[in-house]
Amino acid sequence: MHAITIPEPGGPEALVWDEVPDPVAGEGEVLVEVVASAVNRADVLQRQGFYNPPPGASPYPGLECSGRIAAIGPGVSGWTVGDEVCALLAGGGYAQKVVVPAGQLLPVPEGVDLVQAAALPEVACTVWSNVFMISHLRPGETLLVHGGSSGIGTMAIQLAKAVGAKVAVTAGTKEKLERCAELGADILINYREQDFVAEVEEATGGAGADVILDNMGAKYLDRNVRALAINGRLAIIGLQGGAKGELNIGALLHKRAAVTATSLRARPVEEKTAIVAAVREHVWPLLAAGRVCPVVDRELPMAQAAEAHRVVEESGHIGKVLLVAS
């Protein structure tokens, strides 16, 4: 088969479409013939040499895919060769075939195209686990999403609105904010021109955000705490603004607030299986009903992964950029 390899870390040109050995499904695994994968920020970091795959994972980038089951390993039940699926991966999505633990498989939701289903697993699992399983967003509460037009952001907006929450978003352009509004966002904040702390305070009558989903890390830490409501929950899922920041514990105590930080890729299979099961139970019916949909900016051939990485690094896209296998 062919896969995108990274012979040496570097820029987008470091991604090489090359012939590699076929993977083989082991105990509790299935082999998926990949139809499409999606580009995530973690893939960019891996290409640059900053985010290696966890032990035992495929060395090729790609944290999600869609496709058809080509083979089933020992100890797997409930799936059949030929089933159309999408999957949460620890790596290997940028390839013609990938091996997946059976617990990380999802059926393609009713009404969703097989290619576009590749845009779902990583964002759905990230948002559901952080916003709902950990932060317990409830109807009537306010969610602040940084990077509202990203793949994570577009999913967070839709899921929060589906459960009856109010949604504030930050984004850097009018076009991105308009797309967030189309998806249901109530409070639109241009982070280049506005102070999100002041905007959230005004929009909530001084109460603040009950839950904040943050991809920035250190750069936003102090302001995020200030933007939290009493009993607020800050969920950090990215470090685009740095890894080390100063936390005002006094302010946190005053608000009786909580800060959590999670990553998905390196979690044990058992934890990922539980998250995937929750997503299938709670999110997949919303997709089938048309209340939530994948947001895809563009599709490129998988061999053009370098161009897809350039698009993502320039941050001009809205939603996900997909790589389609040939």
C-alpha atoms as a PDB file:
ATOM      1  CA  MET A   1       0.000   0.000   0.000  1.00  0.00           C
ATOM      2  CA  HIS A   2       0.935   3.679  -0.037  1.00  0.00           C
ATOM      3  CA  ALA A   3       1.033   6.054   2.914  1.00  0.00           C
ATOM      4  CA  ILE A   4       2.261   9.527   3.763  1.00  0.00           C
ATOM      5  CA  THR A   5       5.603   9.097   5.498  1.00  0.00           C
ATOM      6  CA  ILE A   6       7.862  11.594   7.298  1.00  0.00           C
ATOM      7  CA  PRO A   7      11.473  10.589   6.560  1.00  0.00           C
ATOM      8  CA  GLU A   8      12.732  13.724   8.341  1.00  0.00           C
ATOM      9  CA  PRO A   9      10.795  16.353  10.320  1.00  0.00           C
ATOM     10  CA  GLY A  10      10.285  19.689   8.599  1.00  0.00           C
ATOM     11  CA  GLY A  11       7.901  21.797   6.567  1.00  0.00           C
ATOM     12  CA  PRO A  12       4.999  20.489   4.492  1.00  0.00           C
ATOM     13  CA  GLU A  13       7.481  19.187   1.913  1.00  0.00           C
ATOM     14  CA  ALA A  14       8.613  16.635   4.532  1.00  0.00           C
ATOM     15  CA  LEU A  15       5.461  14.623   3.788  1.00  0.00           C
ATOM     16  CA  VAL A  16       6.249  11.872   1.271  1.00  0.00           C
ATOM     17  CA  TRP A  17       3.722   9.578  -0.461  1.00  0.00           C
ATOM     18  CA  ASP A  18       5.574   6.274  -0.438  1.00  0.00           C
ATOM     19  CA  GLU A  19       5.076   2.529  -0.671  1.00  0.00           C
ATOM     20  CA  VAL A  20       4.997   0.850   2.747  1.00  0.00           C
ATOM     21  CA  PRO A  21       4.100  -2.607   4.120  1.00  0.00           C
ATOM     22  CA  ASP A  22       0.426  -3.455   4.535  1.00  0.00           C
ATOM     23  CA  PRO A  23      -0.770  -3.513   8.170  1.00  0.00           C
ATOM     24  CA  VAL A  24      -2.344  -6.683   9.576  1.00  0.00           C
ATOM     25  CA  ALA A  25      -5.256  -6.765  12.036  1.00  0.00           C
ATOM     26  CA  GLY A  26      -4.357  -8.383  15.344  1.00  0.00           C
ATOM     27  CA  GLU A  27      -6.416  -9.427  18.347  1.00  0.00           C
ATOM     28  CA  GLY A  28      -9.381  -7.099  18.828  1.00  0.00           C
ATOM     29  CA  GLU A  29      -8.557  -5.080  15.695  1.00  0.00           C
ATOM     30  CA  VAL A  30      -9.977  -4.515  12.243  1.00  0.00           C
ATOM     31  CA  LEU A  31      -8.298  -3.529   8.987  1.00  0.00           C
ATOM     32  CA  VAL A  32      -9.927  -0.566   7.277  1.00  0.00           C
ATOM     33  CA  GLU A  33      -9.459   0.322   3.628  1.00  0.00           C
ATOM     34  CA  VAL A  34      -9.230   4.087   3.908  1.00  0.00           C
ATOM     35  CA  VAL A  35     -11.455   6.285   1.755  1.00  0.00           C
ATOM     36  CA  ALA A  36     -10.558   9.593   3.439  1.00  0.00           C
ATOM     37  CA  SER A  37      -8.689  11.067   6.381  1.00  0.00           C
ATOM     38  CA  ALA A  38      -8.659  14.548   7.899  1.00  0.00           C
ATOM     39  CA  VAL A  39      -5.889  16.989   8.778  1.00  0.00           C
ATOM     40  CA  ASN A  40      -5.536  17.944  12.453  1.00  0.00           C
ATOM     41  CA  ARG A  41      -3.130  20.349  14.164  1.00  0.00           C
ATOM     42  CA  ALA A  42      -1.559  17.319  15.838  1.00  0.00           C
ATOM     43  CA  ASP A  43      -0.539  16.046  12.377  1.00  0.00           C
ATOM     44  CA  VAL A  44       1.279  19.320  11.729  1.00  0.00           C
ATOM     45  CA  LEU A  45       3.131  19.002  15.045  1.00  0.00           C
ATOM     46  CA  GLN A  46       4.076  15.408  14.232  1.00  0.00           C
ATOM     47  CA  ARG A  47       5.431  16.480  10.855  1.00  0.00           C
ATOM     48  CA  GLN A  48       7.526  19.135  12.590  1.00  0.00           C
ATOM     49  CA  GLY A  49       8.962  16.563  15.000  1.00  0.00           C
ATOM     50  CA  PHE A  50       7.135  17.811  18.125  1.00  0.00           C
ATOM     51  CA  TYR A  51       4.415  15.189  18.618  1.00  0.00           C
ATOM     52  CA  ASN A  52       5.496  11.594  18.139  1.00  0.00           C
ATOM     53  CA  PRO A  53       2.905   8.791  17.998  1.00  0.00           C
ATOM     54  CA  PRO A  54       2.354   6.864  21.232  1.00  0.00           C
ATOM     55  CA  PRO A  55       4.169   3.511  21.586  1.00  0.00           C
ATOM     56  CA  GLY A  56       2.762   0.864  19.289  1.00  0.00           C
ATOM     57  CA  ALA A  57       0.853   3.293  17.066  1.00  0.00           C
ATOM     58  CA  SER A  58       1.340   3.667  13.328  1.00  0.00           C
ATOM     59  CA  PRO A  59       4.248   6.003  12.467  1.00  0.00           C
ATOM     60  CA  TYR A  60       2.194   7.710   9.756  1.00  0.00           C
ATOM     61  CA  PRO A  61       0.112  10.814  10.552  1.00  0.00           C
ATOM     62  CA  GLY A  62      -3.665  10.842  10.624  1.00  0.00           C
ATOM     63  CA  LEU A  63      -5.871  10.690  13.728  1.00  0.00           C
ATOM     64  CA  GLU A  64      -9.144   9.765  12.016  1.00  0.00           C
ATOM     65  CA  CYS A  65     -10.432   8.180   8.842  1.00  0.00           C
ATOM     66  CA  SER A  66     -13.436   6.798   7.026  1.00  0.00           C
ATOM     67  CA  GLY A  67     -13.552   3.733   4.849  1.00  0.00           C
ATOM     68  CA  ARG A  68     -14.659   0.109   4.563  1.00  0.00           C
ATOM     69  CA  ILE A  69     -13.694  -2.864   6.700  1.00  0.00           C
ATOM     70  CA  ALA A  70     -11.318  -5.080   4.722  1.00  0.00           C
ATOM     71  CA  ALA A  71     -10.494  -7.720   7.361  1.00  0.00           C
ATOM     72  CA  ILE A  72     -11.424  -8.591  10.935  1.00  0.00           C
ATOM     73  CA  GLY A  73      -8.939  -9.797  13.530  1.00  0.00           C
ATOM     74  CA  PRO A  74      -9.487 -12.459  16.200  1.00  0.00           C
ATOM     75  CA  GLY A  75     -11.865 -11.606  19.030  1.00  0.00           C
ATOM     76  CA  VAL A  76     -13.876  -8.990  17.127  1.00  0.00           C
ATOM     77  CA  SER A  77     -17.655  -9.201  16.891  1.00  0.00           C
ATOM     78  CA  GLY A  78     -20.388  -6.868  15.696  1.00  0.00           C
ATOM     79  CA  TRP A  79     -18.619  -5.835  12.487  1.00  0.00           C
ATOM     80  CA  THR A  80     -18.578  -7.364   8.981  1.00  0.00           C
ATOM     81  CA  VAL A  81     -16.169  -7.084   6.065  1.00  0.00           C
ATOM     82  CA  GLY A  82     -17.528  -4.351   3.792  1.00  0.00           C
ATOM     83  CA  ASP A  83     -19.113  -2.273   6.558  1.00  0.00           C
ATOM     84  CA  GLU A  84     -18.735   1.469   5.986  1.00  0.00           C
ATOM     85  CA  VAL A  85     -17.130   3.010   9.068  1.00  0.00           C
ATOM     86  CA  CYS A  86     -15.209   5.943  10.454  1.00  0.00           C
ATOM     87  CA  ALA A  87     -12.607   5.595  13.163  1.00  0.00           C
ATOM     88  CA  LEU A  88     -10.651   7.376  15.863  1.00  0.00           C
ATOM     89  CA  LEU A  89      -6.939   6.604  15.429  1.00  0.00           C
ATOM     90  CA  ALA A  90      -3.669   7.022  17.298  1.00  0.00           C
ATOM     91  CA  GLY A  91      -2.038   7.425  13.880  1.00  0.00           C
ATOM     92  CA  GLY A  92      -1.981   5.980  10.376  1.00  0.00           C
ATOM     93  CA  GLY A  93      -4.930   7.711   8.734  1.00  0.00           C
ATOM     94  CA  TYR A  94      -2.838   9.152   5.892  1.00  0.00           C
ATOM     95  CA  ALA A  95      -2.658   5.755   4.198  1.00  0.00           C
ATOM     96  CA  GLN A  96      -4.589   3.387   1.965  1.00  0.00           C
ATOM     97  CA  LYS A  97      -5.129   0.966   4.863  1.00  0.00           C
ATOM     98  CA  VAL A  98      -5.025   1.248   8.642  1.00  0.00           C
ATOM     99  CA  VAL A  99      -5.515  -1.086  11.593  1.00  0.00           C
ATOM    100  CA  VAL A 100      -7.984   0.099  14.267  1.00  0.00           C
ATOM    101  CA  PRO A 101      -9.000  -1.279  17.686  1.00  0.00           C
ATOM    102  CA  ALA A 102     -12.607  -2.397  17.216  1.00  0.00           C
ATOM    103  CA  GLY A 103     -13.778  -0.173  20.085  1.00  0.00           C
ATOM    104  CA  GLN A 104     -12.676   2.912  18.172  1.00  0.00           C
ATOM    105  CA  LEU A 105     -14.895   2.197  15.170  1.00  0.00           C
ATOM    106  CA  LEU A 106     -18.140   4.010  14.443  1.00  0.00           C
ATOM    107  CA  PRO A 107     -20.682   3.319  11.706  1.00  0.00           C
ATOM    108  CA  VAL A 108     -21.007   6.082   9.148  1.00  0.00           C
ATOM    109  CA  PRO A 109     -23.999   8.115  10.391  1.00  0.00           C
ATOM    110  CA  GLU A 110     -27.190   7.940   8.376  1.00  0.00           C
ATOM    111  CA  GLY A 111     -27.304  10.770   5.856  1.00  0.00           C
ATOM    112  CA  VAL A 112     -23.546  11.480   5.960  1.00  0.00           C
ATOM    113  CA  ASP A 113     -21.369  10.881   2.903  1.00  0.00           C
ATOM    114  CA  LEU A 114     -18.612   8.294   3.401  1.00  0.00           C
ATOM    115  CA  VAL A 115     -15.837  10.757   2.517  1.00  0.00           C
ATOM    116  CA  GLN A 116     -17.166  13.506   4.771  1.00  0.00           C
ATOM    117  CA  ALA A 117     -17.527  11.044   7.650  1.00  0.00           C
ATOM    118  CA  ALA A 118     -13.720  11.296   7.972  1.00  0.00           C
ATOM    119  CA  ALA A 119     -14.279  14.773   9.441  1.00  0.00           C
ATOM    120  CA  LEU A 120     -16.195  13.428  12.434  1.00  0.00           C
ATOM    121  CA  PRO A 121     -14.348  11.067  14.838  1.00  0.00           C
ATOM    122  CA  GLU A 122     -11.632  13.316  16.270  1.00  0.00           C
ATOM    123  CA  VAL A 123     -13.809  16.414  16.692  1.00  0.00           C
ATOM    124  CA  ALA A 124     -16.844  14.554  17.999  1.00  0.00           C
ATOM    125  CA  CYS A 125     -14.790  12.608  20.540  1.00  0.00           C
ATOM    126  CA  THR A 126     -12.804  15.672  21.625  1.00  0.00           C
ATOM    127  CA  VAL A 127     -15.852  17.876  22.084  1.00  0.00           C
ATOM    128  CA  TRP A 128     -18.096  15.297  23.722  1.00  0.00           C
ATOM    129  CA  SER A 129     -15.432  14.114  26.169  1.00  0.00           C
ATOM    130  CA  ASN A 130     -14.324  17.605  27.213  1.00  0.00           C
ATOM    131  CA  VAL A 131     -17.489  19.693  27.053  1.00  0.00           C
ATOM    132  CA  PHE A 132     -19.988  17.094  28.236  1.00  0.00           C
ATOM    133  CA  MET A 133     -18.286  14.127  29.945  1.00  0.00           C
ATOM    134  CA  ILE A 134     -15.773  16.263  31.907  1.00  0.00           C
ATOM    135  CA  SER A 135     -17.224  19.796  32.002  1.00  0.00           C
ATOM    136  CA  HIS A 136     -20.887  18.731  32.132  1.00  0.00           C
ATOM    137  CA  LEU A 137     -22.329  21.548  30.016  1.00  0.00           C
ATOM    138  CA  ARG A 138     -26.039  21.821  30.791  1.00  0.00           C
ATOM    139  CA  PRO A 139     -29.053  23.385  29.042  1.00  0.00           C
ATOM    140  CA  GLY A 140     -29.208  27.132  29.628  1.00  0.00           C
ATOM    141  CA  GLU A 141     -25.490  27.475  30.391  1.00  0.00           C
ATOM    142  CA  THR A 142     -23.027  29.462  28.274  1.00  0.00           C
ATOM    143  CA  LEU A 143     -20.163  27.823  26.399  1.00  0.00           C
ATOM    144  CA  LEU A 144     -17.247  29.931  25.117  1.00  0.00           C
ATOM    145  CA  VAL A 145     -15.383  28.264  22.231  1.00  0.00           C
ATOM    146  CA  HIS A 146     -12.026  29.634  21.147  1.00  0.00           C
ATOM    147  CA  GLY A 147     -11.378  29.029  17.462  1.00  0.00           C
ATOM    148  CA  GLY A 148     -15.059  28.706  16.688  1.00  0.00           C
ATOM    149  CA  SER A 149     -14.510  28.164  12.961  1.00  0.00           C
ATOM    150  CA  SER A 150     -12.090  25.253  13.415  1.00  0.00           C
ATOM    151  CA  GLY A 151     -13.122  21.626  13.103  1.00  0.00           C
ATOM    152  CA  ILE A 152     -13.399  21.380  16.886  1.00  0.00           C
ATOM    153  CA  GLY A 153     -15.186  24.718  17.105  1.00  0.00           C
ATOM    154  CA  THR A 154     -17.799  23.997  14.445  1.00  0.00           C
ATOM    155  CA  MET A 155     -18.681  20.714  16.171  1.00  0.00           C
ATOM    156  CA  ALA A 156     -18.754  22.330  19.632  1.00  0.00           C
ATOM    157  CA  ILE A 157     -21.173  25.033  18.468  1.00  0.00           C
ATOM    158  CA  GLN A 158     -23.601  22.509  17.040  1.00  0.00           C
ATOM    159  CA  LEU A 159     -23.533  20.093  19.967  1.00  0.00           C
ATOM    160  CA  ALA A 160     -23.906  22.847  22.553  1.00  0.00           C
ATOM    161  CA  LYS A 161     -26.892  24.310  20.716  1.00  0.00           C
ATOM    162  CA  ALA A 162     -28.423  20.841  20.380  1.00  0.00           C
ATOM    163  CA  VAL A 163     -28.497  20.466  24.163  1.00  0.00           C
ATOM    164  CA  GLY A 164     -29.924  23.958  24.702  1.00  0.00           C
ATOM    165  CA  ALA A 165     -26.824  25.924  25.693  1.00  0.00           C
ATOM    166  CA  LYS A 166     -25.878  29.464  24.666  1.00  0.00           C
ATOM    167  CA  VAL A 167     -22.664  29.686  22.608  1.00  0.00           C
ATOM    168  CA  ALA A 168     -19.998  32.391  22.391  1.00  0.00           C
ATOM    169  CA  VAL A 169     -17.150  32.037  19.906  1.00  0.00           C
ATOM    170  CA  THR A 170     -13.906  33.760  19.050  1.00  0.00           C
ATOM    171  CA  ALA A 171     -12.549  33.885  15.499  1.00  0.00           C
ATOM    172  CA  GLY A 172     -10.274  36.176  13.529  1.00  0.00           C
ATOM    173  CA  THR A 173     -12.351  37.219  10.495  1.00  0.00           C
ATOM    174  CA  LYS A 174     -15.856  38.371   9.649  1.00  0.00           C
ATOM    175  CA  GLU A 175     -16.303  35.409   7.303  1.00  0.00           C
ATOM    176  CA  LYS A 176     -15.437  32.925  10.035  1.00  0.00           C
ATOM    177  CA  LEU A 177     -17.751  34.571  12.538  1.00  0.00           C
ATOM    178  CA  GLU A 178     -20.589  34.585  10.005  1.00  0.00           C
ATOM    179  CA  ARG A 179     -20.151  30.838   9.490  1.00  0.00           C
ATOM    180  CA  CYS A 180     -20.200  30.315  13.247  1.00  0.00           C
ATOM    181  CA  ALA A 181     -23.468  32.261  13.400  1.00  0.00           C
ATOM    182  CA  GLU A 182     -24.948  30.043  10.671  1.00  0.00           C
ATOM    183  CA  LEU A 183     -24.114  27.023  12.828  1.00  0.00           C
ATOM    184  CA  GLY A 184     -25.895  28.573  15.807  1.00  0.00           C
ATOM    185  CA  ALA A 185     -23.377  30.706  17.697  1.00  0.00           C
ATOM    186  CA  ASP A 186     -25.080  33.478  19.693  1.00  0.00           C
ATOM    187  CA  ILE A 187     -22.141  35.702  20.688  1.00  0.00           C
ATOM    188  CA  LEU A 188     -19.572  36.531  17.995  1.00  0.00           C
ATOM    189  CA  ILE A 189     -16.183  37.898  19.075  1.00  0.00           C
ATOM    190  CA  ASN A 190     -13.399  38.963  16.725  1.00  0.00           C
ATOM    191  CA  TYR A 191     -10.334  38.299  18.865  1.00  0.00           C
ATOM    192  CA  ARG A 192      -8.248  40.660  16.716  1.00  0.00           C
ATOM    193  CA  GLU A 193     -10.498  43.605  17.534  1.00  0.00           C
ATOM    194  CA  GLN A 194     -12.393  42.766  20.737  1.00  0.00           C
ATOM    195  CA  ASP A 195     -11.627  41.674  24.305  1.00  0.00           C
ATOM    196  CA  PHE A 196     -13.390  38.349  24.767  1.00  0.00           C
ATOM    197  CA  VAL A 197     -13.542  38.803  28.563  1.00  0.00           C
ATOM    198  CA  ALA A 198     -15.467  42.058  28.235  1.00  0.00           C
ATOM    199  CA  GLU A 199     -17.686  40.740  25.446  1.00  0.00           C
ATOM    200  CA  VAL A 200     -18.677  37.600  27.356  1.00  0.00           C
ATOM    201  CA  GLU A 201     -19.307  39.613  30.523  1.00  0.00           C
ATOM    202  CA  GLU A 202     -21.585  42.036  28.671  1.00  0.00           C
ATOM    203  CA  ALA A 203     -23.457  39.295  26.800  1.00  0.00           C
ATOM    204  CA  THR A 204     -24.115  37.294  29.969  1.00  0.00           C
ATOM    205  CA  GLY A 205     -25.097  40.212  32.189  1.00  0.00           C
ATOM    206  CA  GLY A 206     -21.849  39.911  34.139  1.00  0.00           C
ATOM    207  CA  ALA A 207     -22.222  36.181  34.833  1.00  0.00           C
ATOM    208  CA  GLY A 208     -19.454  34.877  32.552  1.00  0.00           C
ATOM    209  CA  ALA A 209     -19.059  31.585  30.686  1.00  0.00           C
ATOM    210  CA  ASP A 210     -19.989  28.375  32.462  1.00  0.00           C
ATOM    211  CA  VAL A 211     -17.675  26.304  30.263  1.00  0.00           C
ATOM    212  CA  ILE A 212     -14.720  27.431  28.118  1.00  0.00           C
ATOM    213  CA  LEU A 213     -13.214  25.156  25.462  1.00  0.00           C
ATOM    214  CA  ASP A 214      -9.695  26.473  24.907  1.00  0.00           C
ATOM    215  CA  ASN A 215      -7.124  25.623  22.244  1.00  0.00           C
ATOM    216  CA  MET A 216      -4.651  28.372  23.172  1.00  0.00           C
ATOM    217  CA  GLY A 217      -3.241  27.382  26.558  1.00  0.00           C
ATOM    218  CA  ALA A 218      -0.862  29.792  28.285  1.00  0.00           C
ATOM    219  CA  LYS A 219      -1.684  32.906  26.252  1.00  0.00           C
ATOM    220  CA  TYR A 220      -5.343  32.850  27.284  1.00  0.00           C
ATOM    221  CA  LEU A 221      -5.050  31.305  30.764  1.00  0.00           C
ATOM    222  CA  ASP A 222      -5.499  34.446  32.865  1.00  0.00           C
ATOM    223  CA  ARG A 223      -8.234  35.891  30.658  1.00  0.00           C
ATOM    224  CA  ASN A 224     -10.055  32.577  30.551  1.00  0.00           C
ATOM    225  CA  VAL A 225     -10.190  32.444  34.347  1.00  0.00           C
ATOM    226  CA  ARG A 226     -11.510  36.013  34.394  1.00  0.00           C
ATOM    227  CA  ALA A 227     -14.153  35.092  31.818  1.00  0.00           C
ATOM    228  CA  LEU A 228     -15.429  32.116  33.831  1.00  0.00           C
ATOM    229  CA  ALA A 229     -18.699  32.186  35.718  1.00  0.00           C
ATOM    230  CA  ILE A 230     -19.025  31.108  39.347  1.00  0.00           C
ATOM    231  CA  ASN A 231     -18.588  27.303  39.322  1.00  0.00           C
ATOM    232  CA  GLY A 232     -17.185  27.622  35.792  1.00  0.00           C
ATOM    233  CA  ARG A 233     -15.118  24.946  34.044  1.00  0.00           C
ATOM    234  CA  LEU A 234     -12.140  25.635  31.793  1.00  0.00           C
ATOM    235  CA  ALA A 235     -11.210  22.750  29.465  1.00  0.00           C
ATOM    236  CA  ILE A 236      -7.799  23.167  27.811  1.00  0.00           C
ATOM    237  CA  ILE A 237      -7.257  21.006  24.714  1.00  0.00           C
ATOM    238  CA  GLY A 238      -4.447  22.824  22.894  1.00  0.00           C
ATOM    239  CA  LEU A 239      -1.276  24.831  23.330  1.00  0.00           C
ATOM    240  CA  GLN A 240      -1.289  27.118  20.300  1.00  0.00           C
ATOM    241  CA  GLY A 241      -0.560  30.037  22.645  1.00  0.00           C
ATOM    242  CA  GLY A 242       2.165  28.333  24.663  1.00  0.00           C
ATOM    243  CA  ALA A 243       2.569  25.665  27.347  1.00  0.00           C
ATOM    244  CA  LYS A 244       3.544  27.662  30.459  1.00  0.00           C
ATOM    245  CA  GLY A 245       1.384  30.336  32.043  1.00  0.00           C
ATOM    246  CA  GLU A 246       0.692  31.851  35.454  1.00  0.00           C
ATOM    247  CA  LEU A 247      -2.519  30.703  37.113  1.00  0.00           C
ATOM    248  CA  ASN A 248      -4.265  33.067  39.534  1.00  0.00           C
ATOM    249  CA  ILE A 249      -5.389  30.502  42.090  1.00  0.00           C
ATOM    250  CA  GLY A 250      -7.078  33.211  44.156  1.00  0.00           C
ATOM    251  CA  ALA A 251      -9.363  34.075  41.256  1.00  0.00           C
ATOM    252  CA  LEU A 252     -10.031  30.376  40.720  1.00  0.00           C
ATOM    253  CA  LEU A 253     -10.938  29.932  44.393  1.00  0.00           C
ATOM    254  CA  HIS A 254     -13.188  32.986  44.329  1.00  0.00           C
ATOM    255  CA  LYS A 255     -15.142  31.518  41.440  1.00  0.00           C
ATOM    256  CA  ARG A 256     -15.048  27.945  42.758  1.00  0.00           C
ATOM    257  CA  ALA A 257     -13.909  27.082  39.259  1.00  0.00           C
ATOM    258  CA  ALA A 258     -12.083  24.115  37.747  1.00  0.00           C
ATOM    259  CA  VAL A 259      -9.352  23.800  35.130  1.00  0.00           C
ATOM    260  CA  THR A 260      -8.822  20.550  33.227  1.00  0.00           C
ATOM    261  CA  ALA A 261      -6.390  19.700  30.458  1.00  0.00           C
ATOM    262  CA  THR A 262      -6.714  16.637  28.251  1.00  0.00           C
ATOM    263  CA  SER A 263      -5.348  15.053  25.118  1.00  0.00           C
ATOM    264  CA  LEU A 264      -7.006  12.227  23.220  1.00  0.00           C
ATOM    265  CA  ARG A 265      -4.310  10.523  21.175  1.00  0.00           C
ATOM    266  CA  ALA A 266      -2.288   8.906  23.973  1.00  0.00           C
ATOM    267  CA  ARG A 267      -5.233   7.724  26.082  1.00  0.00           C
ATOM    268  CA  PRO A 268      -5.510   3.967  26.663  1.00  0.00           C
ATOM    269  CA  VAL A 269      -7.724   2.045  24.249  1.00  0.00           C
ATOM    270  CA  GLU A 270     -10.205   1.415  27.061  1.00  0.00           C
ATOM    271  CA  GLU A 271     -10.724   5.153  27.620  1.00  0.00           C
ATOM    272  CA  LYS A 272     -11.075   5.841  23.906  1.00  0.00           C
ATOM    273  CA  THR A 273     -13.559   2.992  23.622  1.00  0.00           C
ATOM    274  CA  ALA A 274     -15.710   4.552  26.351  1.00  0.00           C
ATOM    275  CA  ILE A 275     -15.604   7.955  24.643  1.00  0.00           C
ATOM    276  CA  VAL A 276     -16.453   6.465  21.245  1.00  0.00           C
ATOM    277  CA  ALA A 277     -19.393   4.577  22.782  1.00  0.00           C
ATOM    278  CA  ALA A 278     -20.697   7.812  24.334  1.00  0.00           C
ATOM    279  CA  VAL A 279     -20.343   9.637  21.025  1.00  0.00           C
ATOM    280  CA  ARG A 280     -22.238   6.884  19.235  1.00  0.00           C
ATOM    281  CA  GLU A 281     -25.015   7.077  21.820  1.00  0.00           C
ATOM    282  CA  HIS A 282     -25.369  10.852  22.051  1.00  0.00           C
ATOM    283  CA  VAL A 283     -23.921  12.449  18.905  1.00  0.00           C
ATOM    284  CA  TRP A 284     -24.740   9.968  16.144  1.00  0.00           C
ATOM    285  CA  PRO A 285     -28.533  10.386  16.533  1.00  0.00           C
ATOM    286  CA  LEU A 286     -28.091  14.146  16.138  1.00  0.00           C
ATOM    287  CA  LEU A 287     -26.163  13.577  12.909  1.00  0.00           C
ATOM    288  CA  ALA A 288     -28.789  11.158  11.607  1.00  0.00           C
ATOM    289  CA  ALA A 289     -31.508  13.704  12.398  1.00  0.00           C
ATOM    290  CA  GLY A 290     -29.640  16.481  10.568  1.00  0.00           C
ATOM    291  CA  ARG A 291     -29.280  18.591  13.719  1.00  0.00           C
ATOM    292  CA  VAL A 292     -25.487  18.315  13.528  1.00  0.00           C
ATOM    293  CA  CYS A 293     -23.364  17.984  10.386  1.00  0.00           C
ATOM    294  CA  PRO A 294     -19.692  17.700   9.449  1.00  0.00           C
ATOM    295  CA  VAL A 295     -18.188  21.000   8.288  1.00  0.00           C
ATOM    296  CA  VAL A 296     -15.666  20.450   5.478  1.00  0.00           C
ATOM    297  CA  ASP A 297     -13.705  23.265   3.870  1.00  0.00           C
ATOM    298  CA  ARG A 298     -12.142  21.239   1.043  1.00  0.00           C
ATOM    299  CA  GLU A 299     -11.063  17.800  -0.119  1.00  0.00           C
ATOM    300  CA  LEU A 300      -7.619  17.101  -1.583  1.00  0.00           C
ATOM    301  CA  PRO A 301      -5.982  13.894  -2.868  1.00  0.00           C
ATOM    302  CA  MET A 302      -4.046  12.182  -0.084  1.00  0.00           C
ATOM    303  CA  ALA A 303      -0.845  12.374  -2.115  1.00  0.00           C
ATOM    304  CA  GLN A 304      -1.207  16.179  -1.835  1.00  0.00           C
ATOM    305  CA  ALA A 305      -1.015  16.119   1.968  1.00  0.00           C
ATOM    306  CA  ALA A 306       1.695  18.794   1.850  1.00  0.00           C
ATOM    307  CA  GLU A 307      -0.741  21.257   0.278  1.00  0.00           C
ATOM    308  CA  ALA A 308      -3.394  20.342   2.852  1.00  0.00           C
ATOM    309  CA  HIS A 309      -0.920  21.081   5.658  1.00  0.00           C
ATOM    310  CA  ARG A 310      -0.153  24.477   4.122  1.00  0.00           C
ATOM    311  CA  VAL A 311      -3.873  25.292   4.113  1.00  0.00           C
ATOM    312  CA  VAL A 312      -4.232  24.340   7.773  1.00  0.00           C
ATOM    313  CA  GLU A 313      -1.123  26.237   8.850  1.00  0.00           C
ATOM    314  CA  GLU A 314      -2.347  29.394   7.091  1.00  0.00           C
ATOM    315  CA  SER A 315      -5.628  29.108   9.093  1.00  0.00           C
ATOM    316  CA  GLY A 316      -7.772  30.362   6.244  1.00  0.00           C
ATOM    317  CA  HIS A 317     -10.073  27.345   6.268  1.00  0.00           C
ATOM    318  CA  ILE A 318     -13.373  26.773   8.067  1.00  0.00           C
ATOM    319  CA  GLY A 319     -14.050  23.323   9.503  1.00  0.00           C
ATOM    320  CA  LYS A 320     -11.987  20.370   8.324  1.00  0.00           C
ATOM    321  CA  VAL A 321      -9.604  19.767   5.419  1.00  0.00           C
ATOM    322  CA  LEU A 322      -9.911  16.213   4.115  1.00  0.00           C
ATOM    323  CA  LEU A 323      -7.474  13.931   2.312  1.00  0.00           C
ATOM    324  CA  VAL A 324      -9.103  11.493  -0.116  1.00  0.00           C
ATOM    325  CA  ALA A 325      -7.321   8.218  -0.835  1.00  0.00           C
ATOM    326  CA  SER A 326      -6.819   7.063  -4.411  1.00  0.00           C
END
